[in-house]
Amino acid sequence: MTVDDPADLRVTVDGSLDEVLSLQRWLGEQDDFAGRTRLLRPDPGPGQMGAVLDTITIAAGGGGAVTALLGTMSVWMRHRGAKITATVKKGNRSVTINADRVRAADIAQLKEMVAEFSRTLDES
């Protein structure tokens, strides 16, 4: 997997490193993503001692990866107690998911939210 592969998905989590690592572990336990995730370690910015680890890169593979990722993340967010916001990027497109919105949604609303986000990321 290369960092610049346009088919890769990037998930940036606004929260603690524990939340990022929790999501990476969760994804690694899912059949669709096992062995296909890694933390992106960018070069430190000016004045930083080290890189901020807040981004997970996922080798997207075949079709349906976006929908599978968004669905999996929704379940993970629903079960977390923390206030989390995550941004999923595919190429130059992105969607932002808020844990409060996910937890407040019923199953039908959640499915529609995942479908809407998937369409946004998969549009060419």
C-alpha atoms as a PDB file:
ATOM      1  CA  MET A   1       0.000   0.000   0.000  1.00  0.00           C
ATOM      2  CA  THR A   2       1.416   3.402  -0.888  1.00  0.00           C
ATOM      3  CA  VAL A   3       0.611   6.606   0.932  1.00  0.00           C
ATOM      4  CA  ASP A   4      -0.333   8.395  -2.299  1.00  0.00           C
ATOM      5  CA  ASP A   5      -2.628   5.699  -3.742  1.00  0.00           C
ATOM      6  CA  PRO A   6      -5.814   7.584  -4.762  1.00  0.00           C
ATOM      7  CA  ALA A   7      -7.914   4.490  -4.014  1.00  0.00           C
ATOM      8  CA  ASP A   8      -6.861   4.555  -0.349  1.00  0.00           C
ATOM      9  CA  LEU A   9      -9.222   5.928   2.240  1.00  0.00           C
ATOM     10  CA  ARG A  10      -7.963   8.195   4.998  1.00  0.00           C
ATOM     11  CA  VAL A  11      -9.706   8.569   8.309  1.00  0.00           C
ATOM     12  CA  THR A  12      -8.718  11.469  10.538  1.00  0.00           C
ATOM     13  CA  VAL A  13     -10.047  11.341  14.088  1.00  0.00           C
ATOM     14  CA  ASP A  14     -10.465  14.475  16.198  1.00  0.00           C
ATOM     15  CA  GLY A  15      -9.860  13.019  19.612  1.00  0.00           C
ATOM     16  CA  SER A  16      -7.130  11.442  21.644  1.00  0.00           C
ATOM     17  CA  LEU A  17      -4.527   9.018  20.333  1.00  0.00           C
ATOM     18  CA  ASP A  18      -6.449   6.356  22.287  1.00  0.00           C
ATOM     19  CA  GLU A  19      -9.488   6.965  20.052  1.00  0.00           C
ATOM     20  CA  VAL A  20      -7.373   6.676  16.897  1.00  0.00           C
ATOM     21  CA  LEU A  21      -5.811   3.432  18.120  1.00  0.00           C
ATOM     22  CA  SER A  22      -9.212   2.117  19.202  1.00  0.00           C
ATOM     23  CA  LEU A  23     -10.640   2.710  15.725  1.00  0.00           C
ATOM     24  CA  GLN A  24      -7.610   1.111  14.081  1.00  0.00           C
ATOM     25  CA  ARG A  25      -7.988  -1.984  16.313  1.00  0.00           C
ATOM     26  CA  TRP A  26     -11.738  -2.092  15.585  1.00  0.00           C
ATOM     27  CA  LEU A  27     -11.154  -1.921  11.838  1.00  0.00           C
ATOM     28  CA  GLY A  28      -8.441  -4.585  12.089  1.00  0.00           C
ATOM     29  CA  GLU A  29     -10.977  -6.963  13.637  1.00  0.00           C
ATOM     30  CA  GLN A  30     -13.394  -6.537  10.717  1.00  0.00           C
ATOM     31  CA  ASP A  31     -13.036  -8.974   7.809  1.00  0.00           C
ATOM     32  CA  ASP A  32     -13.239  -6.166   5.236  1.00  0.00           C
ATOM     33  CA  PHE A  33     -10.270  -4.298   6.716  1.00  0.00           C
ATOM     34  CA  ALA A  34      -8.055  -6.828   8.517  1.00  0.00           C
ATOM     35  CA  GLY A  35      -4.438  -6.254   7.519  1.00  0.00           C
ATOM     36  CA  ARG A  36      -5.334  -3.227   5.381  1.00  0.00           C
ATOM     37  CA  THR A  37      -4.988  -0.372   7.889  1.00  0.00           C
ATOM     38  CA  ARG A  38      -2.005   1.567   9.127  1.00  0.00           C
ATOM     39  CA  LEU A  39      -1.323   4.789  10.947  1.00  0.00           C
ATOM     40  CA  LEU A  40      -0.116   7.580   8.715  1.00  0.00           C
ATOM     41  CA  ARG A  41       2.995   9.124  10.202  1.00  0.00           C
ATOM     42  CA  PRO A  42       3.425  12.536   8.580  1.00  0.00           C
ATOM     43  CA  ASP A  43       6.601  14.555   9.003  1.00  0.00           C
ATOM     44  CA  PRO A  44       6.455  16.795  12.090  1.00  0.00           C
ATOM     45  CA  GLY A  45       5.379  20.350  11.388  1.00  0.00           C
ATOM     46  CA  PRO A  46       7.386  23.400  12.382  1.00  0.00           C
ATOM     47  CA  GLY A  47       7.799  23.546  16.156  1.00  0.00           C
ATOM     48  CA  GLN A  48       6.542  19.977  16.681  1.00  0.00           C
ATOM     49  CA  MET A  49       8.652  17.376  18.483  1.00  0.00           C
ATOM     50  CA  GLY A  50       7.076  14.523  16.568  1.00  0.00           C
ATOM     51  CA  ALA A  51       4.298  13.654  14.174  1.00  0.00           C
ATOM     52  CA  VAL A  52       0.666  13.798  15.285  1.00  0.00           C
ATOM     53  CA  LEU A  53      -0.877  10.354  14.846  1.00  0.00           C
ATOM     54  CA  ASP A  54      -4.487  11.080  14.024  1.00  0.00           C
ATOM     55  CA  THR A  55      -4.889   9.515  10.575  1.00  0.00           C
ATOM     56  CA  ILE A  56      -5.521   5.915   9.588  1.00  0.00           C
ATOM     57  CA  THR A  57      -4.911   4.909   5.979  1.00  0.00           C
ATOM     58  CA  ILE A  58      -6.966   2.022   4.604  1.00  0.00           C
ATOM     59  CA  ALA A  59      -6.209   0.182   1.379  1.00  0.00           C
ATOM     60  CA  ALA A  60      -9.649   0.395  -0.191  1.00  0.00           C
ATOM     61  CA  GLY A  61      -9.458  -2.657  -2.435  1.00  0.00           C
ATOM     62  CA  GLY A  62     -12.594  -3.515  -4.399  1.00  0.00           C
ATOM     63  CA  GLY A  63     -15.965  -1.854  -4.658  1.00  0.00           C
ATOM     64  CA  GLY A  64     -18.061  -1.285  -1.592  1.00  0.00           C
ATOM     65  CA  ALA A  65     -15.110  -0.363   0.634  1.00  0.00           C
ATOM     66  CA  VAL A  66     -16.447   3.138   1.307  1.00  0.00           C
ATOM     67  CA  THR A  67     -19.870   1.900   2.392  1.00  0.00           C
ATOM     68  CA  ALA A  68     -18.311  -0.873   4.504  1.00  0.00           C
ATOM     69  CA  LEU A  69     -15.958   1.606   6.185  1.00  0.00           C
ATOM     70  CA  LEU A  70     -18.678   4.142   6.945  1.00  0.00           C
ATOM     71  CA  GLY A  71     -20.977   1.444   8.301  1.00  0.00           C
ATOM     72  CA  THR A  72     -18.215  -0.017  10.474  1.00  0.00           C
ATOM     73  CA  MET A  73     -17.215   3.410  11.765  1.00  0.00           C
ATOM     74  CA  SER A  74     -20.841   4.208  12.609  1.00  0.00           C
ATOM     75  CA  VAL A  75     -21.078   1.098  14.775  1.00  0.00           C
ATOM     76  CA  TRP A  76     -17.758   1.923  16.459  1.00  0.00           C
ATOM     77  CA  MET A  77     -18.832   5.525  17.136  1.00  0.00           C
ATOM     78  CA  ARG A  78     -22.190   4.424  18.478  1.00  0.00           C
ATOM     79  CA  HIS A  79     -20.454   2.334  21.142  1.00  0.00           C
ATOM     80  CA  ARG A  80     -17.845   4.894  22.173  1.00  0.00           C
ATOM     81  CA  GLY A  81     -18.601   7.133  25.131  1.00  0.00           C
ATOM     82  CA  ALA A  82     -16.394   9.951  23.887  1.00  0.00           C
ATOM     83  CA  LYS A  83     -17.317  12.918  21.757  1.00  0.00           C
ATOM     84  CA  ILE A  84     -15.641  12.018  18.461  1.00  0.00           C
ATOM     85  CA  THR A  85     -15.595  13.578  15.041  1.00  0.00           C
ATOM     86  CA  ALA A  86     -13.968  11.719  12.167  1.00  0.00           C
ATOM     87  CA  THR A  87     -13.320  12.784   8.603  1.00  0.00           C
ATOM     88  CA  VAL A  88     -13.104  10.180   5.842  1.00  0.00           C
ATOM     89  CA  LYS A  89     -11.272  11.204   2.670  1.00  0.00           C
ATOM     90  CA  LYS A  90     -11.095   9.522  -0.687  1.00  0.00           C
ATOM     91  CA  GLY A  91      -9.004  11.466  -3.168  1.00  0.00           C
ATOM     92  CA  ASN A  92     -10.134  15.091  -2.976  1.00  0.00           C
ATOM     93  CA  ARG A  93     -13.562  14.296  -1.489  1.00  0.00           C
ATOM     94  CA  SER A  94     -14.357  14.056   2.210  1.00  0.00           C
ATOM     95  CA  VAL A  95     -17.210  13.598   4.662  1.00  0.00           C
ATOM     96  CA  THR A  96     -17.273  14.344   8.370  1.00  0.00           C
ATOM     97  CA  ILE A  97     -19.061  12.086  10.837  1.00  0.00           C
ATOM     98  CA  ASN A  98     -20.004  13.271  14.310  1.00  0.00           C
ATOM     99  CA  ALA A  99     -20.531  10.676  17.061  1.00  0.00           C
ATOM    100  CA  ASP A 100     -23.424  12.667  18.551  1.00  0.00           C
ATOM    101  CA  ARG A 101     -25.279  12.551  15.220  1.00  0.00           C
ATOM    102  CA  VAL A 102     -24.596   8.820  14.842  1.00  0.00           C
ATOM    103  CA  ARG A 103     -25.800   7.990  18.358  1.00  0.00           C
ATOM    104  CA  ALA A 104     -28.971  10.056  17.892  1.00  0.00           C
ATOM    105  CA  ALA A 105     -29.932   8.326  14.623  1.00  0.00           C
ATOM    106  CA  ASP A 106     -32.252   5.355  14.469  1.00  0.00           C
ATOM    107  CA  ILE A 107     -31.302   2.448  12.185  1.00  0.00           C
ATOM    108  CA  ALA A 108     -33.129   3.839   9.132  1.00  0.00           C
ATOM    109  CA  GLN A 109     -31.541   7.276   9.588  1.00  0.00           C
ATOM    110  CA  LEU A 110     -28.129   5.691  10.079  1.00  0.00           C
ATOM    111  CA  LYS A 111     -28.465   3.657   6.885  1.00  0.00           C
ATOM    112  CA  GLU A 112     -29.468   6.779   4.942  1.00  0.00           C
ATOM    113  CA  MET A 113     -26.559   8.729   6.446  1.00  0.00           C
ATOM    114  CA  VAL A 114     -24.098   5.991   5.400  1.00  0.00           C
ATOM    115  CA  ALA A 115     -25.622   5.874   1.901  1.00  0.00           C
ATOM    116  CA  GLU A 116     -25.442   9.676   1.550  1.00  0.00           C
ATOM    117  CA  PHE A 117     -21.815   9.787   2.710  1.00  0.00           C
ATOM    118  CA  SER A 118     -20.925   6.873   0.419  1.00  0.00           C
ATOM    119  CA  ARG A 119     -22.422   8.653  -2.588  1.00  0.00           C
ATOM    120  CA  THR A 120     -20.471  11.795  -1.729  1.00  0.00           C
ATOM    121  CA  LEU A 121     -17.155   9.934  -1.577  1.00  0.00           C
ATOM    122  CA  ASP A 122     -17.790   7.740  -4.609  1.00  0.00           C
ATOM    123  CA  GLU A 123     -18.928  10.523  -6.982  1.00  0.00           C
ATOM    124  CA  SER A 124     -16.501  11.076  -9.819  1.00  0.00           C
END
